[in-house]
């Protein structure tokens, strides 16, 4: 059953998926910035902010040399300002501990401020470090509908069940395209 589900998602993505977004790259830094910007924000809103941000801060080194105030200014209008504070903190950690090279290890990515399981999995998968399932809001909705899962009063058991389903349906091959199709 899961193979047919995965194949259908991949087929849909091939026909309908957005393949020309500016963060469709293998650079984990650029993927990271886009993933953080896309948290609770629509793609069409993120694109101009992302392009401006990457033009000004094309790599970890330039980002780590920025001040928090400079980052807040370029982020202005995008909202959820905690995200840019986490980017700032993470850039300092990456600069110091990883010599301005974005880590490729999932657990190291996950340990950075503001990065949870889905974001770490997305960065790892889209950068080509691993093939991992994700569970953002869109994926939750698809899985709830497909598996006929209703929200439960216990958030932790609900999340656990959805993660299990996400891992179950995520293929080992073409994981990037599958995850994009699910999102």
N, C-alpha and C. Protein backbone atom coordinates (compact mmCIF):
# COMPACT_ATOMS: atom_id res chain seq x y z
N UNK A 1 0.83 -1.20 0.00
CA UNK A 1 0.00 0.00 0.00
C UNK A 1 0.87 1.26 0.00
N UNK A 2 1.95 1.26 0.84
CA UNK A 2 2.75 2.48 0.92
C UNK A 2 3.46 2.78 -0.39
N UNK A 3 3.87 1.73 -1.14
CA UNK A 3 4.58 1.96 -2.40
C UNK A 3 3.66 2.66 -3.39
N UNK A 4 2.42 2.23 -3.46
CA UNK A 4 1.47 2.88 -4.37
C UNK A 4 1.26 4.35 -3.95
N UNK A 5 1.13 4.57 -2.64
CA UNK A 5 0.99 5.94 -2.13
C UNK A 5 2.19 6.77 -2.54
N UNK A 6 3.39 6.26 -2.26
CA UNK A 6 4.63 6.99 -2.59
C UNK A 6 4.74 7.23 -4.08
N UNK A 7 4.45 6.21 -4.87
CA UNK A 7 4.51 6.36 -6.33
C UNK A 7 3.54 7.43 -6.82
N UNK A 8 2.35 7.47 -6.23
CA UNK A 8 1.36 8.49 -6.63
C UNK A 8 1.83 9.90 -6.27
N UNK A 9 2.44 10.05 -5.10
CA UNK A 9 2.96 11.36 -4.71
C UNK A 9 4.09 11.77 -5.65
N UNK A 10 4.98 10.85 -5.96
CA UNK A 10 6.09 11.15 -6.87
C UNK A 10 5.58 11.50 -8.27
N UNK A 11 4.58 10.78 -8.73
CA UNK A 11 3.99 11.06 -10.04
C UNK A 11 3.35 12.45 -10.05
N UNK A 12 2.61 12.76 -8.97
CA UNK A 12 2.00 14.08 -8.88
C UNK A 12 3.08 15.16 -8.90
N UNK A 13 4.17 14.95 -8.14
CA UNK A 13 5.23 15.95 -8.08
C UNK A 13 5.86 16.15 -9.46
N UNK A 14 6.10 15.06 -10.18
CA UNK A 14 6.70 15.18 -11.51
C UNK A 14 5.84 16.04 -12.44
N UNK A 15 4.52 15.89 -12.32
CA UNK A 15 3.60 16.64 -13.19
C UNK A 15 3.29 18.04 -12.69
N UNK A 16 3.23 18.22 -11.37
CA UNK A 16 2.70 19.47 -10.81
C UNK A 16 3.63 20.20 -9.84
N UNK A 17 4.69 19.58 -9.42
CA UNK A 17 5.53 20.16 -8.37
C UNK A 17 6.26 21.42 -8.81
N UNK A 18 6.55 22.25 -7.83
CA UNK A 18 7.31 23.48 -8.09
C UNK A 18 8.80 23.12 -8.12
N UNK A 19 9.39 23.21 -9.30
CA UNK A 19 10.77 22.78 -9.44
C UNK A 19 11.73 23.96 -9.65
N UNK A 20 11.21 25.15 -9.73
CA UNK A 20 12.07 26.30 -10.03
C UNK A 20 12.20 27.29 -8.88
N UNK A 21 11.99 26.84 -7.66
CA UNK A 21 12.13 27.74 -6.52
C UNK A 21 13.61 28.04 -6.28
N UNK A 22 13.95 29.23 -5.82
CA UNK A 22 15.36 29.62 -5.71
C UNK A 22 16.16 28.79 -4.71
N UNK A 23 15.52 28.11 -3.81
CA UNK A 23 16.25 27.30 -2.82
C UNK A 23 16.35 25.84 -3.23
N UNK A 24 15.99 25.52 -4.47
CA UNK A 24 16.15 24.16 -4.98
C UNK A 24 17.61 23.97 -5.39
N UNK A 25 18.44 23.85 -4.38
CA UNK A 25 19.88 23.72 -4.54
C UNK A 25 20.35 22.60 -3.60
N UNK A 26 21.64 22.30 -3.64
CA UNK A 26 22.16 21.31 -2.71
C UNK A 26 22.98 21.95 -1.59
N UNK A 27 23.10 23.25 -1.59
CA UNK A 27 23.84 23.97 -0.55
C UNK A 27 23.04 23.96 0.74
N UNK A 28 23.53 23.26 1.77
CA UNK A 28 22.74 23.16 3.01
C UNK A 28 22.49 24.51 3.67
N UNK A 29 23.39 25.47 3.50
CA UNK A 29 23.19 26.80 4.06
C UNK A 29 21.94 27.44 3.46
N UNK A 30 21.84 27.43 2.15
CA UNK A 30 20.69 28.05 1.47
C UNK A 30 19.40 27.29 1.77
N UNK A 31 19.49 25.98 1.85
CA UNK A 31 18.32 25.18 2.20
C UNK A 31 17.87 25.53 3.62
N UNK A 32 18.82 25.64 4.53
CA UNK A 32 18.52 25.99 5.93
C UNK A 32 17.78 27.32 6.01
N UNK A 33 18.33 28.34 5.34
CA UNK A 33 17.70 29.66 5.39
C UNK A 33 16.26 29.57 4.85
N UNK A 34 16.08 28.87 3.74
CA UNK A 34 14.73 28.76 3.17
C UNK A 34 13.80 27.99 4.10
N UNK A 35 14.28 26.92 4.69
CA UNK A 35 13.43 26.13 5.59
C UNK A 35 12.99 26.94 6.80
N UNK A 36 13.88 27.75 7.33
CA UNK A 36 13.51 28.58 8.49
C UNK A 36 12.51 29.66 8.05
N UNK A 37 12.77 30.30 6.91
CA UNK A 37 11.85 31.33 6.42
C UNK A 37 10.47 30.76 6.11
N UNK A 38 10.43 29.52 5.64
CA UNK A 38 9.16 28.91 5.23
C UNK A 38 8.33 28.41 6.41
N UNK A 39 8.87 28.43 7.60
CA UNK A 39 8.10 28.01 8.76
C UNK A 39 6.94 28.98 8.97
N UNK A 40 5.74 28.49 8.81
CA UNK A 40 4.50 29.24 9.00
C UNK A 40 4.40 30.47 8.09
N UNK A 41 5.05 30.40 6.93
CA UNK A 41 5.00 31.51 5.98
C UNK A 41 4.88 30.94 4.57
N UNK A 42 4.03 31.53 3.75
CA UNK A 42 3.79 31.04 2.40
C UNK A 42 4.98 31.28 1.48
N UNK A 43 5.12 30.38 0.52
CA UNK A 43 6.23 30.43 -0.45
C UNK A 43 6.28 31.79 -1.15
N UNK A 44 5.14 32.28 -1.62
CA UNK A 44 5.15 33.55 -2.38
C UNK A 44 5.63 34.71 -1.52
N UNK A 45 5.41 34.65 -0.23
CA UNK A 45 5.89 35.69 0.68
C UNK A 45 7.39 35.55 0.91
N UNK A 46 7.86 34.33 1.00
CA UNK A 46 9.26 34.07 1.33
C UNK A 46 10.22 34.41 0.19
N UNK A 47 9.83 34.16 -1.05
CA UNK A 47 10.76 34.30 -2.18
C UNK A 47 11.52 35.63 -2.18
N UNK A 48 10.87 36.79 -2.13
CA UNK A 48 11.66 38.04 -2.18
C UNK A 48 12.56 38.22 -0.96
N UNK A 49 12.11 37.79 0.21
CA UNK A 49 12.95 37.87 1.41
C UNK A 49 14.16 36.96 1.28
N UNK A 50 13.94 35.76 0.79
CA UNK A 50 15.02 34.80 0.62
C UNK A 50 16.07 35.35 -0.35
N UNK A 51 15.63 35.85 -1.50
CA UNK A 51 16.56 36.37 -2.50
C UNK A 51 17.38 37.53 -1.95
N UNK A 52 16.73 38.42 -1.24
CA UNK A 52 17.43 39.56 -0.64
C UNK A 52 18.42 39.09 0.43
N UNK A 53 18.00 38.15 1.26
CA UNK A 53 18.83 37.64 2.34
C UNK A 53 20.08 36.95 1.78
N UNK A 54 19.89 36.08 0.80
CA UNK A 54 21.01 35.32 0.22
C UNK A 54 21.95 36.24 -0.56
N UNK A 55 21.41 37.28 -1.17
CA UNK A 55 22.28 38.23 -1.87
C UNK A 55 23.20 38.94 -0.87
N UNK A 56 22.64 39.33 0.27
CA UNK A 56 23.43 40.04 1.28
C UNK A 56 24.32 39.10 2.08
N UNK A 57 23.83 37.89 2.35
CA UNK A 57 24.57 36.90 3.15
C UNK A 57 24.64 35.60 2.37
N UNK A 58 25.55 35.51 1.39
CA UNK A 58 25.59 34.33 0.51
C UNK A 58 26.15 33.06 1.15
N UNK A 59 26.74 33.19 2.33
CA UNK A 59 27.33 32.02 2.97
C UNK A 59 27.38 32.20 4.49
N UNK A 60 27.79 31.16 5.18
CA UNK A 60 27.85 31.19 6.65
C UNK A 60 28.80 32.28 7.13
N UNK A 61 29.93 32.41 6.47
CA UNK A 61 30.92 33.41 6.93
C UNK A 61 30.31 34.81 6.94
N UNK A 62 29.67 35.21 5.84
CA UNK A 62 29.07 36.54 5.79
C UNK A 62 27.96 36.68 6.81
N UNK A 63 27.20 35.62 7.01
CA UNK A 63 26.11 35.64 7.99
C UNK A 63 26.67 35.75 9.41
N UNK A 64 27.72 35.00 9.69
CA UNK A 64 28.27 35.01 11.05
C UNK A 64 28.93 36.34 11.40
N UNK A 65 29.29 37.11 10.39
CA UNK A 65 29.90 38.43 10.63
C UNK A 65 28.85 39.54 10.79
N UNK A 66 27.60 39.22 10.51
CA UNK A 66 26.52 40.21 10.64
C UNK A 66 26.17 40.40 12.11
N UNK A 67 25.57 41.53 12.39
CA UNK A 67 25.06 41.74 13.75
C UNK A 67 23.60 41.27 13.79
N UNK A 68 23.12 41.03 14.98
CA UNK A 68 21.72 40.62 15.13
C UNK A 68 20.80 41.73 14.64
N UNK A 69 21.17 42.98 14.89
CA UNK A 69 20.35 44.11 14.42
C UNK A 69 20.28 44.14 12.89
N UNK A 70 21.39 43.87 12.21
CA UNK A 70 21.38 43.83 10.74
C UNK A 70 20.45 42.73 10.23
N UNK A 71 20.49 41.59 10.89
CA UNK A 71 19.62 40.49 10.48
C UNK A 71 18.15 40.82 10.74
N UNK A 72 17.90 41.45 11.87
CA UNK A 72 16.52 41.84 12.18
C UNK A 72 15.99 42.83 11.12
N UNK A 73 16.84 43.72 10.67
CA UNK A 73 16.44 44.71 9.67
C UNK A 73 16.08 44.04 8.34
N UNK A 74 16.91 43.12 7.88
CA UNK A 74 16.64 42.46 6.59
C UNK A 74 15.43 41.52 6.70
N UNK A 75 15.16 41.04 7.91
CA UNK A 75 14.03 40.14 8.17
C UNK A 75 12.73 40.92 8.34
N UNK A 76 12.83 42.20 8.59
CA UNK A 76 11.68 43.04 8.92
C UNK A 76 10.53 42.85 7.93
N UNK A 77 9.36 42.53 8.48
CA UNK A 77 8.17 42.31 7.67
C UNK A 77 7.86 40.84 7.48
N UNK A 78 8.82 39.96 7.70
CA UNK A 78 8.60 38.53 7.53
C UNK A 78 7.93 37.91 8.75
N UNK A 79 8.07 38.56 9.89
CA UNK A 79 7.41 38.09 11.10
C UNK A 79 8.12 36.95 11.79
N UNK A 80 7.53 36.51 12.90
CA UNK A 80 8.10 35.42 13.71
C UNK A 80 9.60 35.65 13.90
N UNK A 81 9.94 36.73 14.57
CA UNK A 81 11.33 37.19 14.68
C UNK A 81 12.23 36.25 15.47
N UNK A 82 11.64 35.33 16.21
CA UNK A 82 12.43 34.33 16.92
C UNK A 82 13.25 33.51 15.92
N UNK A 83 12.71 33.34 14.72
CA UNK A 83 13.41 32.55 13.69
C UNK A 83 14.75 33.19 13.33
N UNK A 84 14.77 34.50 13.15
CA UNK A 84 16.03 35.15 12.75
C UNK A 84 17.00 35.19 13.93
N UNK A 85 16.49 35.27 15.14
CA UNK A 85 17.38 35.19 16.31
C UNK A 85 18.04 33.82 16.38
N UNK A 86 17.28 32.78 16.04
CA UNK A 86 17.86 31.43 16.00
C UNK A 86 18.88 31.28 14.87
N UNK A 87 18.61 31.90 13.74
CA UNK A 87 19.57 31.89 12.63
C UNK A 87 20.87 32.54 13.09
N UNK A 88 20.74 33.68 13.75
CA UNK A 88 21.92 34.39 14.24
C UNK A 88 22.73 33.51 15.21
N UNK A 89 22.04 32.91 16.17
CA UNK A 89 22.72 32.04 17.15
C UNK A 89 23.36 30.83 16.46
N UNK A 90 22.64 30.24 15.52
CA UNK A 90 23.16 29.08 14.81
C UNK A 90 24.38 29.45 13.97
N UNK A 91 24.35 30.61 13.33
CA UNK A 91 25.49 31.04 12.52
C UNK A 91 26.74 31.19 13.38
N UNK A 92 26.59 31.70 14.57
CA UNK A 92 27.73 31.84 15.48
C UNK A 92 28.29 30.46 15.86
N UNK A 93 27.39 29.52 16.12
CA UNK A 93 27.80 28.15 16.48
C UNK A 93 28.51 27.48 15.30
N UNK A 94 27.93 27.61 14.11
CA UNK A 94 28.52 26.99 12.91
C UNK A 94 29.88 27.61 12.62
N UNK A 95 29.99 28.91 12.78
CA UNK A 95 31.26 29.59 12.55
C UNK A 95 32.33 29.08 13.52
N UNK A 96 31.96 29.00 14.78
CA UNK A 96 32.92 28.61 15.81
C UNK A 96 33.23 27.11 15.79
N UNK A 97 32.19 26.28 15.75
CA UNK A 97 32.38 24.84 15.91
C UNK A 97 32.62 24.07 14.61
N UNK A 98 32.21 24.65 13.49
CA UNK A 98 32.31 23.93 12.22
C UNK A 98 33.07 24.73 11.15
N UNK A 99 33.80 25.74 11.58
CA UNK A 99 34.64 26.54 10.68
C UNK A 99 33.87 27.05 9.45
N UNK A 100 32.67 27.57 9.70
CA UNK A 100 31.81 28.16 8.66
C UNK A 100 31.32 27.16 7.63
N UNK A 101 31.32 25.89 7.97
CA UNK A 101 30.79 24.86 7.08
C UNK A 101 29.55 24.27 7.74
N UNK A 102 28.42 24.33 7.04
CA UNK A 102 27.19 23.81 7.62
C UNK A 102 27.37 22.32 7.90
N UNK A 103 27.00 21.86 9.10
CA UNK A 103 27.21 20.45 9.42
C UNK A 103 26.38 19.52 8.53
N UNK A 104 26.92 18.34 8.26
CA UNK A 104 26.21 17.37 7.43
C UNK A 104 25.60 16.24 8.26
N UNK A 105 25.94 16.18 9.52
CA UNK A 105 25.41 15.15 10.41
C UNK A 105 24.05 15.58 10.95
N UNK A 106 23.06 14.69 10.83
CA UNK A 106 21.70 14.99 11.25
C UNK A 106 21.63 15.48 12.70
N UNK A 107 22.28 14.78 13.62
CA UNK A 107 22.21 15.16 15.04
C UNK A 107 22.85 16.52 15.29
N UNK A 108 23.90 16.84 14.55
CA UNK A 108 24.53 18.16 14.69
C UNK A 108 23.60 19.25 14.16
N UNK A 109 22.94 18.97 13.04
CA UNK A 109 21.97 19.93 12.50
C UNK A 109 20.83 20.12 13.49
N UNK A 110 20.32 19.02 14.02
CA UNK A 110 19.21 19.05 14.98
C UNK A 110 19.56 19.82 16.25
N UNK A 111 20.82 19.86 16.61
CA UNK A 111 21.24 20.54 17.84
C UNK A 111 21.28 22.06 17.70
N UNK A 112 21.18 22.57 16.48
CA UNK A 112 21.24 24.02 16.27
C UNK A 112 19.95 24.68 16.75
N UNK A 113 20.04 25.91 17.28
CA UNK A 113 18.84 26.61 17.76
C UNK A 113 17.79 26.78 16.66
N UNK A 114 16.54 26.48 17.01
CA UNK A 114 15.43 26.70 16.09
C UNK A 114 15.24 25.60 15.06
N UNK A 115 16.01 24.52 15.16
CA UNK A 115 15.89 23.43 14.20
C UNK A 115 15.33 22.21 14.91
N UNK A 116 14.14 21.80 14.46
CA UNK A 116 13.51 20.60 15.00
C UNK A 116 13.68 19.44 14.03
N UNK A 117 12.99 18.38 14.33
CA UNK A 117 13.14 17.14 13.56
C UNK A 117 12.81 17.33 12.08
N UNK A 118 11.70 18.00 11.77
CA UNK A 118 11.33 18.18 10.37
C UNK A 118 12.34 19.04 9.62
N UNK A 119 12.77 20.14 10.21
CA UNK A 119 13.73 21.02 9.54
C UNK A 119 15.06 20.31 9.35
N UNK A 120 15.54 19.60 10.36
CA UNK A 120 16.80 18.86 10.24
C UNK A 120 16.67 17.78 9.16
N UNK A 121 15.53 17.11 9.11
CA UNK A 121 15.30 16.08 8.09
C UNK A 121 15.25 16.69 6.70
N UNK A 122 14.58 17.84 6.57
CA UNK A 122 14.48 18.51 5.27
C UNK A 122 15.87 18.95 4.78
N UNK A 123 16.64 19.58 5.65
CA UNK A 123 17.99 20.01 5.27
C UNK A 123 18.83 18.81 4.87
N UNK A 124 18.80 17.77 5.70
CA UNK A 124 19.59 16.56 5.42
C UNK A 124 19.21 15.93 4.09
N UNK A 125 17.92 15.85 3.82
CA UNK A 125 17.44 15.22 2.59
C UNK A 125 17.71 16.09 1.37
N UNK A 126 17.32 17.37 1.44
CA UNK A 126 17.47 18.23 0.27
C UNK A 126 18.94 18.52 -0.07
N UNK A 127 19.82 18.47 0.93
CA UNK A 127 21.25 18.68 0.68
C UNK A 127 21.94 17.38 0.23
N UNK A 128 21.22 16.26 0.31
CA UNK A 128 21.79 14.99 -0.14
C UNK A 128 22.57 14.24 0.92
N UNK A 129 22.44 14.63 2.18
CA UNK A 129 23.15 13.95 3.27
C UNK A 129 22.46 12.65 3.67
N UNK A 130 21.15 12.58 3.52
CA UNK A 130 20.36 11.44 3.98
C UNK A 130 19.02 11.43 3.24
N UNK A 131 18.25 10.39 3.47
CA UNK A 131 16.89 10.28 2.92
C UNK A 131 15.95 10.11 4.11
N UNK A 132 15.31 11.21 4.51
CA UNK A 132 14.54 11.19 5.75
C UNK A 132 13.12 11.70 5.56
N UNK A 133 12.23 11.16 6.36
CA UNK A 133 10.84 11.60 6.36
C UNK A 133 10.74 12.97 7.04
N UNK A 134 9.70 13.70 6.68
CA UNK A 134 9.41 14.99 7.31
C UNK A 134 7.97 14.98 7.80
N UNK A 135 7.65 15.97 8.62
CA UNK A 135 6.27 16.07 9.13
C UNK A 135 5.93 17.53 9.39
N UNK A 136 5.78 18.30 8.32
CA UNK A 136 5.32 19.68 8.50
C UNK A 136 3.80 19.69 8.47
N UNK A 137 3.21 20.85 8.54
CA UNK A 137 1.75 20.97 8.58
C UNK A 137 1.07 20.37 7.38
N UNK A 138 1.62 20.57 6.19
CA UNK A 138 1.02 20.01 4.98
C UNK A 138 1.08 18.49 4.98
N UNK A 139 2.22 17.95 5.38
CA UNK A 139 2.38 16.50 5.43
C UNK A 139 1.40 15.90 6.44
N UNK A 140 1.24 16.56 7.57
CA UNK A 140 0.28 16.09 8.57
C UNK A 140 -1.12 15.97 7.96
N UNK A 141 -1.55 17.02 7.23
CA UNK A 141 -2.89 17.01 6.64
C UNK A 141 -3.06 15.87 5.64
N UNK A 142 -2.05 15.66 4.80
CA UNK A 142 -2.12 14.58 3.80
C UNK A 142 -2.22 13.23 4.51
N UNK A 143 -1.36 13.01 5.49
CA UNK A 143 -1.35 11.72 6.20
C UNK A 143 -2.65 11.50 6.98
N UNK A 144 -3.16 12.55 7.61
CA UNK A 144 -4.42 12.42 8.35
C UNK A 144 -5.56 12.00 7.42
N UNK A 145 -5.59 12.58 6.23
CA UNK A 145 -6.65 12.24 5.28
C UNK A 145 -6.46 10.83 4.72
N UNK A 146 -5.24 10.52 4.32
CA UNK A 146 -4.99 9.22 3.70
C UNK A 146 -5.23 8.06 4.67
N UNK A 147 -4.73 8.22 5.90
CA UNK A 147 -4.85 7.15 6.89
C UNK A 147 -6.08 7.30 7.78
N UNK A 148 -6.90 8.30 7.48
CA UNK A 148 -8.12 8.57 8.26
C UNK A 148 -7.82 8.67 9.77
N UNK A 149 -6.88 9.55 10.07
CA UNK A 149 -6.46 9.77 11.45
C UNK A 149 -7.12 11.04 11.95
N UNK A 150 -7.71 10.98 13.11
CA UNK A 150 -8.31 12.17 13.71
C UNK A 150 -7.38 12.70 14.79
N UNK A 151 -7.44 14.03 14.97
CA UNK A 151 -6.63 14.65 16.03
C UNK A 151 -7.00 14.03 17.37
N UNK A 152 -5.98 13.81 18.15
CA UNK A 152 -6.19 13.22 19.47
C UNK A 152 -5.94 14.27 20.53
N UNK A 153 -6.48 14.03 21.71
CA UNK A 153 -6.27 14.97 22.81
C UNK A 153 -4.81 14.95 23.28
N UNK A 154 -4.16 13.81 23.14
CA UNK A 154 -2.75 13.70 23.51
C UNK A 154 -1.90 14.06 22.29
N UNK A 155 -1.35 15.26 22.32
CA UNK A 155 -0.54 15.74 21.19
C UNK A 155 0.64 14.81 20.94
N UNK A 156 1.30 14.34 22.00
CA UNK A 156 2.50 13.53 21.81
C UNK A 156 2.17 12.20 21.12
N UNK A 157 1.07 11.54 21.47
CA UNK A 157 0.73 10.28 20.81
C UNK A 157 0.28 10.54 19.37
N UNK A 158 -0.39 11.66 19.14
CA UNK A 158 -0.83 12.06 17.80
C UNK A 158 0.39 12.30 16.91
N UNK A 159 1.34 13.09 17.40
CA UNK A 159 2.58 13.38 16.65
C UNK A 159 3.36 12.09 16.38
N UNK A 160 3.44 11.24 17.40
CA UNK A 160 4.17 9.98 17.26
C UNK A 160 3.55 9.13 16.15
N UNK A 161 2.23 9.03 16.14
CA UNK A 161 1.55 8.25 15.11
C UNK A 161 1.79 8.83 13.72
N UNK A 162 1.73 10.15 13.61
CA UNK A 162 1.97 10.77 12.30
C UNK A 162 3.42 10.59 11.84
N UNK A 163 4.37 10.71 12.76
CA UNK A 163 5.76 10.47 12.40
C UNK A 163 5.94 9.04 11.91
N UNK A 164 5.33 8.09 12.59
CA UNK A 164 5.43 6.69 12.17
C UNK A 164 4.88 6.50 10.76
N UNK A 165 3.76 7.14 10.47
CA UNK A 165 3.16 7.04 9.14
C UNK A 165 4.05 7.73 8.10
N UNK A 166 4.61 8.87 8.45
CA UNK A 166 5.48 9.58 7.52
C UNK A 166 6.71 8.73 7.17
N UNK A 167 7.32 8.14 8.19
CA UNK A 167 8.48 7.27 7.96
C UNK A 167 8.05 6.07 7.11
N UNK A 168 6.89 5.52 7.39
CA UNK A 168 6.36 4.35 6.69
C UNK A 168 6.20 4.60 5.19
N UNK A 169 5.67 5.77 4.81
CA UNK A 169 5.38 6.03 3.39
C UNK A 169 6.54 6.67 2.63
N UNK A 170 7.54 7.17 3.33
CA UNK A 170 8.65 7.87 2.66
C UNK A 170 9.60 6.86 2.01
N UNK A 171 9.76 6.98 0.70
CA UNK A 171 10.65 6.04 0.00
C UNK A 171 12.13 6.36 0.25
N UNK A 172 12.96 5.35 0.12
CA UNK A 172 14.40 5.52 0.28
C UNK A 172 14.98 6.27 -0.92
N UNK A 173 14.44 6.01 -2.11
CA UNK A 173 14.90 6.65 -3.33
C UNK A 173 13.92 7.77 -3.70
N UNK A 174 14.45 8.80 -4.30
CA UNK A 174 13.65 9.97 -4.72
C UNK A 174 12.97 10.64 -3.53
N UNK A 175 13.63 10.59 -2.39
CA UNK A 175 13.06 11.16 -1.16
C UNK A 175 12.87 12.66 -1.28
N UNK A 176 13.81 13.35 -1.92
CA UNK A 176 13.67 14.81 -2.10
C UNK A 176 12.36 15.13 -2.80
N UNK A 177 12.13 14.48 -3.92
CA UNK A 177 10.93 14.76 -4.71
C UNK A 177 9.67 14.35 -3.95
N UNK A 178 9.74 13.23 -3.26
CA UNK A 178 8.59 12.78 -2.47
C UNK A 178 8.25 13.82 -1.40
N UNK A 179 9.26 14.26 -0.65
CA UNK A 179 9.00 15.26 0.40
C UNK A 179 8.46 16.56 -0.18
N UNK A 180 9.00 16.97 -1.32
CA UNK A 180 8.48 18.18 -1.95
C UNK A 180 7.02 17.97 -2.37
N UNK A 181 6.72 16.81 -2.90
CA UNK A 181 5.34 16.51 -3.30
C UNK A 181 4.40 16.51 -2.11
N UNK A 182 4.86 15.98 -0.98
CA UNK A 182 4.03 15.95 0.22
C UNK A 182 3.79 17.37 0.75
N UNK A 183 4.81 18.22 0.66
CA UNK A 183 4.65 19.58 1.16
C UNK A 183 3.79 20.41 0.23
